[in-house]
Amino acid sequence: LSCTTAVNSDLLVTLPVQEKFLDRKSMLLKTHTFPVELNLTKKFLKVKKASIEDGKGDVERILAELKLDRQVNLAVTKQAMEILAKSKEGITVVFDDQELIAIEQGDTTNEFFGIAFDIGTTTVVGSLCDLITGKVLVTVSATNPQRQHGGDVISRITYANEGAGNTEKLQEEIVACLNEIINKLCKEAKVCTKHIYCATVVGNTCMHHLLLGLNPTQLA
């Protein structure tokens, strides 16, 4: 709580020894590895083509190969139809606990990534993480575009409350910032965006509300 300390004379500020900063502009803590504890799984399969003798649907045949009863949404059903029709060497399926969330052509089991975001009032940081090794591959920072409406959370709460649609505008700004960071991370690491399967986002309560499009007025 250094912001509550009254400075009446010269003083010396000592930072923790373990803090390392990526650069002077953003002053971000750099993390090299993290423990992987996810329900996400990728698996390579060879699925038999439909035939007169076996008239099961595409999704049914995939689930039969997995020997599991999983939920499948409409988007994945569309993927199954398109990918199985042109897949010769096999497919890769991605599932989150009991839900099948993606189907990809060929063996992409080594392409397994996630994103970690820290949404600060001033700076937004994104790290591309390898979900197999637990290694942080690339970290990128950007200025929070909401700063144009005020440098602190109270200013942004005030702006959100000043007019209809302002909360949505703040949400659009931060989402656009996150997408820009994702594109930069993937370009630098040479990773395809479709191989990112999850994201973890942290931030103070106001930043959390604005990311989700929740009106933050009561926080003030």
Protein backbone atom coordinates (compact mmCIF):
# COMPACT_ATOMS: atom_id res chain seq x y z
CA LEU A 1 0.00 0.00 0.00
CA SER A 2 2.74 2.44 -0.93
CA CYS A 3 0.13 4.85 -2.34
CA THR A 4 -1.04 5.54 1.23
CA THR A 5 2.43 6.46 2.48
CA ALA A 6 3.04 10.18 3.04
CA VAL A 7 6.50 11.24 1.82
CA ASN A 8 7.88 13.97 4.08
CA SER A 9 11.59 13.60 3.32
CA ASP A 10 14.06 11.76 1.09
CA LEU A 11 13.55 8.01 1.22
CA LEU A 12 14.94 4.80 -0.27
CA VAL A 13 12.57 2.35 -1.99
CA THR A 14 13.80 -1.26 -2.16
CA LEU A 15 12.17 -3.69 -4.62
CA PRO A 16 12.15 -7.47 -3.95
CA VAL A 17 15.28 -9.16 -5.29
CA GLN A 18 13.29 -11.77 -7.24
CA GLU A 19 11.52 -9.20 -9.40
CA LYS A 20 12.73 -9.18 -12.98
CA PHE A 21 11.39 -6.82 -15.59
CA LEU A 22 11.00 -7.42 -19.29
CA ASP A 23 11.71 -3.82 -20.17
CA ARG A 24 11.81 -0.37 -18.62
CA LYS A 25 8.52 0.68 -20.16
CA SER A 26 6.23 -2.05 -18.88
CA MET A 27 8.21 -3.30 -15.84
CA LEU A 28 6.61 -6.73 -15.92
CA LEU A 29 7.43 -9.79 -13.87
CA LYS A 30 8.79 -12.48 -16.17
CA THR A 31 7.78 -16.11 -15.60
CA HIS A 32 9.53 -18.96 -17.39
CA THR A 33 7.43 -22.02 -16.55
CA PHE A 34 4.15 -22.86 -14.85
CA PRO A 35 2.44 -26.04 -13.59
CA VAL A 36 -0.02 -27.47 -16.13
CA GLU A 37 -3.25 -28.51 -14.45
CA LEU A 38 -5.95 -28.62 -17.13
CA ASN A 39 -8.82 -30.82 -18.22
CA LEU A 40 -7.84 -30.13 -21.85
CA THR A 41 -6.61 -33.09 -23.92
CA LYS A 42 -5.50 -33.54 -27.53
CA LYS A 43 -5.53 -36.94 -29.18
CA PHE A 44 -4.68 -38.19 -32.66
CA LEU A 45 -7.18 -40.62 -34.19
CA LYS A 46 -7.63 -42.61 -37.36
CA VAL A 47 -11.32 -42.81 -38.07
CA LYS A 48 -12.79 -45.26 -40.55
CA LYS A 49 -14.74 -43.80 -43.44
CA ALA A 50 -18.48 -44.24 -43.54
CA SER A 51 -19.69 -47.20 -45.60
CA ILE A 52 -22.83 -49.07 -46.54
CA GLU A 53 -22.11 -51.48 -43.71
CA ASP A 54 -21.32 -48.72 -41.20
CA GLY A 55 -23.67 -45.81 -41.64
CA LYS A 56 -22.84 -43.97 -38.42
CA GLY A 57 -22.52 -40.19 -38.60
CA ASP A 58 -19.14 -38.46 -38.53
CA VAL A 59 -19.37 -37.41 -34.89
CA GLU A 60 -20.62 -40.83 -33.84
CA ARG A 61 -17.63 -42.51 -35.47
CA ILE A 62 -15.21 -40.10 -33.77
CA LEU A 63 -16.79 -40.71 -30.36
CA ALA A 64 -16.68 -44.46 -30.99
CA GLU A 65 -12.91 -44.24 -31.57
CA LEU A 66 -12.53 -42.31 -28.32
CA LYS A 67 -14.64 -44.93 -26.53
CA LEU A 68 -16.18 -42.10 -24.58
CA ASP A 69 -19.59 -40.45 -24.45
CA ARG A 70 -18.89 -36.74 -24.85
CA GLN A 71 -20.95 -33.65 -25.53
CA VAL A 72 -20.54 -32.13 -28.98
CA ASN A 73 -21.66 -28.67 -30.05
CA LEU A 74 -22.86 -27.63 -33.50
CA ALA A 75 -19.59 -25.91 -34.46
CA VAL A 76 -17.65 -29.14 -33.87
CA THR A 77 -20.24 -31.13 -35.83
CA LYS A 78 -19.60 -28.84 -38.81
CA GLN A 79 -15.84 -29.31 -38.39
CA ALA A 80 -16.27 -33.08 -38.37
CA MET A 81 -18.17 -33.07 -41.64
CA GLU A 82 -15.59 -30.89 -43.41
CA ILE A 83 -12.41 -32.43 -41.98
CA LEU A 84 -13.28 -36.12 -42.20
CA ALA A 85 -14.26 -35.68 -45.84
CA LYS A 86 -10.73 -34.59 -46.81
CA SER A 87 -8.64 -36.23 -44.10
CA LYS A 88 -6.50 -39.16 -45.22
CA GLU A 89 -3.82 -39.45 -42.55
CA GLY A 90 -6.11 -39.01 -39.54
CA ILE A 91 -7.50 -36.27 -37.31
CA THR A 92 -6.73 -34.65 -33.98
CA VAL A 93 -9.51 -34.09 -31.48
CA VAL A 94 -9.46 -31.62 -28.60
CA PHE A 95 -11.71 -32.10 -25.62
CA ASP A 96 -12.27 -30.27 -22.37
CA ASP A 97 -13.34 -32.76 -19.75
CA GLN A 98 -16.62 -34.08 -21.21
CA GLU A 99 -16.96 -31.72 -24.18
CA LEU A 100 -15.39 -32.14 -27.60
CA ILE A 101 -14.31 -28.60 -28.55
CA ALA A 102 -12.29 -28.97 -31.78
CA ILE A 103 -11.44 -31.35 -34.61
CA GLU A 104 -8.33 -30.74 -36.74
CA GLN A 105 -6.90 -32.32 -39.84
CA GLY A 106 -3.74 -34.40 -39.39
CA ASP A 107 -1.64 -34.81 -36.27
CA THR A 108 -1.50 -31.48 -34.40
CA THR A 109 -0.95 -32.91 -30.92
CA ASN A 110 2.29 -30.93 -30.53
CA GLU A 111 0.46 -27.64 -31.18
CA PHE A 112 -1.17 -27.12 -27.79
CA PHE A 113 -1.23 -23.56 -26.44
CA GLY A 114 -2.98 -21.26 -24.01
CA ILE A 115 -2.92 -17.54 -23.24
CA ALA A 116 -2.47 -15.83 -19.87
CA PHE A 117 -3.67 -12.22 -19.62
CA ASP A 118 -3.08 -9.65 -16.89
CA ILE A 119 -5.41 -6.71 -17.48
CA GLY A 120 -4.03 -3.77 -15.57
CA THR A 121 -5.57 -0.34 -15.37
CA THR A 122 -2.56 1.05 -17.25
CA THR A 123 -0.90 -1.93 -18.96
CA VAL A 124 -2.22 -5.18 -20.43
CA VAL A 125 0.14 -8.17 -20.57
CA GLY A 126 -0.31 -11.38 -22.52
CA SER A 127 1.82 -14.53 -22.38
CA LEU A 128 1.66 -17.41 -24.85
CA CYS A 129 2.05 -20.68 -22.96
CA ASP A 130 2.93 -24.18 -24.15
CA LEU A 131 0.39 -26.45 -22.45
CA ILE A 132 2.60 -29.52 -22.96
CA THR A 133 5.82 -28.28 -21.37
CA GLY A 134 4.47 -25.50 -19.14
CA LYS A 135 6.84 -23.04 -20.77
CA VAL A 136 6.03 -19.38 -21.38
CA LEU A 137 7.05 -18.85 -25.02
CA VAL A 138 6.48 -15.13 -25.59
CA THR A 139 5.20 -12.19 -23.54
CA VAL A 140 3.80 -9.00 -25.04
CA SER A 141 2.54 -5.86 -23.31
CA ALA A 142 0.31 -3.05 -24.53
CA THR A 143 -1.22 0.10 -23.13
CA ASN A 144 -4.78 -0.38 -21.94
CA PRO A 145 -6.82 1.57 -24.53
CA GLN A 146 -9.37 2.49 -21.87
CA ARG A 147 -6.85 5.03 -20.54
CA GLN A 148 -8.29 7.61 -22.92
CA HIS A 149 -11.34 7.69 -20.63
CA GLY A 150 -9.28 8.17 -17.47
CA GLY A 151 -6.09 6.90 -15.89
CA ASP A 152 -7.73 5.31 -12.85
CA VAL A 153 -10.66 2.99 -12.18
CA ILE A 154 -12.90 5.71 -10.73
CA SER A 155 -12.58 7.74 -13.94
CA ARG A 156 -13.60 4.71 -15.99
CA ILE A 157 -16.52 3.90 -13.74
CA THR A 158 -17.63 7.52 -14.11
CA TYR A 159 -17.34 7.29 -17.89
CA ALA A 160 -19.29 4.02 -17.95
CA ASN A 161 -22.09 5.73 -16.02
CA GLU A 162 -22.17 8.89 -18.15
CA GLY A 163 -23.95 7.53 -21.19
CA ALA A 164 -25.79 4.59 -22.68
CA GLY A 165 -23.42 2.23 -24.44
CA ASN A 166 -20.29 3.43 -22.64
CA THR A 167 -19.85 0.17 -20.74
CA GLU A 168 -20.09 -1.73 -24.02
CA LYS A 169 -17.57 0.63 -25.61
CA LEU A 170 -15.08 -0.02 -22.78
CA GLN A 171 -15.61 -3.74 -23.25
CA GLU A 172 -15.02 -3.51 -27.00
CA GLU A 173 -11.79 -1.59 -26.41
CA ILE A 174 -10.28 -4.16 -24.06
CA VAL A 175 -11.40 -7.13 -26.18
CA ALA A 176 -9.78 -5.54 -29.24
CA CYS A 177 -6.60 -5.03 -27.21
CA LEU A 178 -6.55 -8.71 -26.16
CA ASN A 179 -7.06 -9.83 -29.75
CA GLU A 180 -4.21 -7.60 -30.90
CA ILE A 181 -1.94 -9.10 -28.26
CA ILE A 182 -2.94 -12.63 -29.34
CA ASN A 183 -2.03 -11.86 -32.94
CA LYS A 184 1.33 -10.39 -31.92
CA LEU A 185 2.14 -13.37 -29.70
CA CYS A 186 1.28 -15.87 -32.42
CA LYS A 187 3.24 -13.99 -35.06
CA GLU A 188 6.34 -13.83 -32.88
CA ALA A 189 6.13 -17.47 -31.81
CA LYS A 190 4.99 -18.70 -35.26
CA VAL A 191 1.90 -20.29 -33.76
CA CYS A 192 -1.51 -20.56 -35.42
CA THR A 193 -4.27 -18.83 -33.46
CA LYS A 194 -6.59 -21.83 -33.87
CA HIS A 195 -4.18 -23.88 -31.74
CA ILE A 196 -4.91 -21.71 -28.69
CA TYR A 197 -7.56 -23.53 -26.67
CA CYS A 198 -7.91 -21.64 -23.40
CA ALA A 199 -7.20 -18.36 -21.69
CA THR A 200 -6.73 -17.29 -18.10
CA VAL A 201 -7.48 -13.65 -17.37
CA VAL A 202 -6.73 -11.74 -14.17
CA GLY A 203 -7.30 -8.13 -13.22
CA ASN A 204 -8.78 -5.93 -10.54
CA THR A 205 -12.54 -6.00 -10.00
CA CYS A 206 -13.22 -3.00 -12.24
CA MET A 207 -11.17 -4.44 -15.12
CA HIS A 208 -13.01 -7.74 -14.65
CA HIS A 209 -16.38 -6.00 -14.92
CA LEU A 210 -15.41 -4.04 -18.03
CA LEU A 211 -14.04 -7.12 -19.79
CA LEU A 212 -17.33 -8.94 -19.22
CA GLY A 213 -19.44 -5.91 -20.08
CA LEU A 214 -20.83 -5.59 -16.56
CA ASN A 215 -21.76 -2.10 -15.41
CA PRO A 216 -19.18 -1.17 -12.72
CA THR A 217 -21.16 1.70 -11.16
CA GLN A 218 -21.77 -0.07 -7.83
CA LEU A 219 -18.01 -0.57 -7.35
CA ALA A 220 -17.54 3.15 -6.82
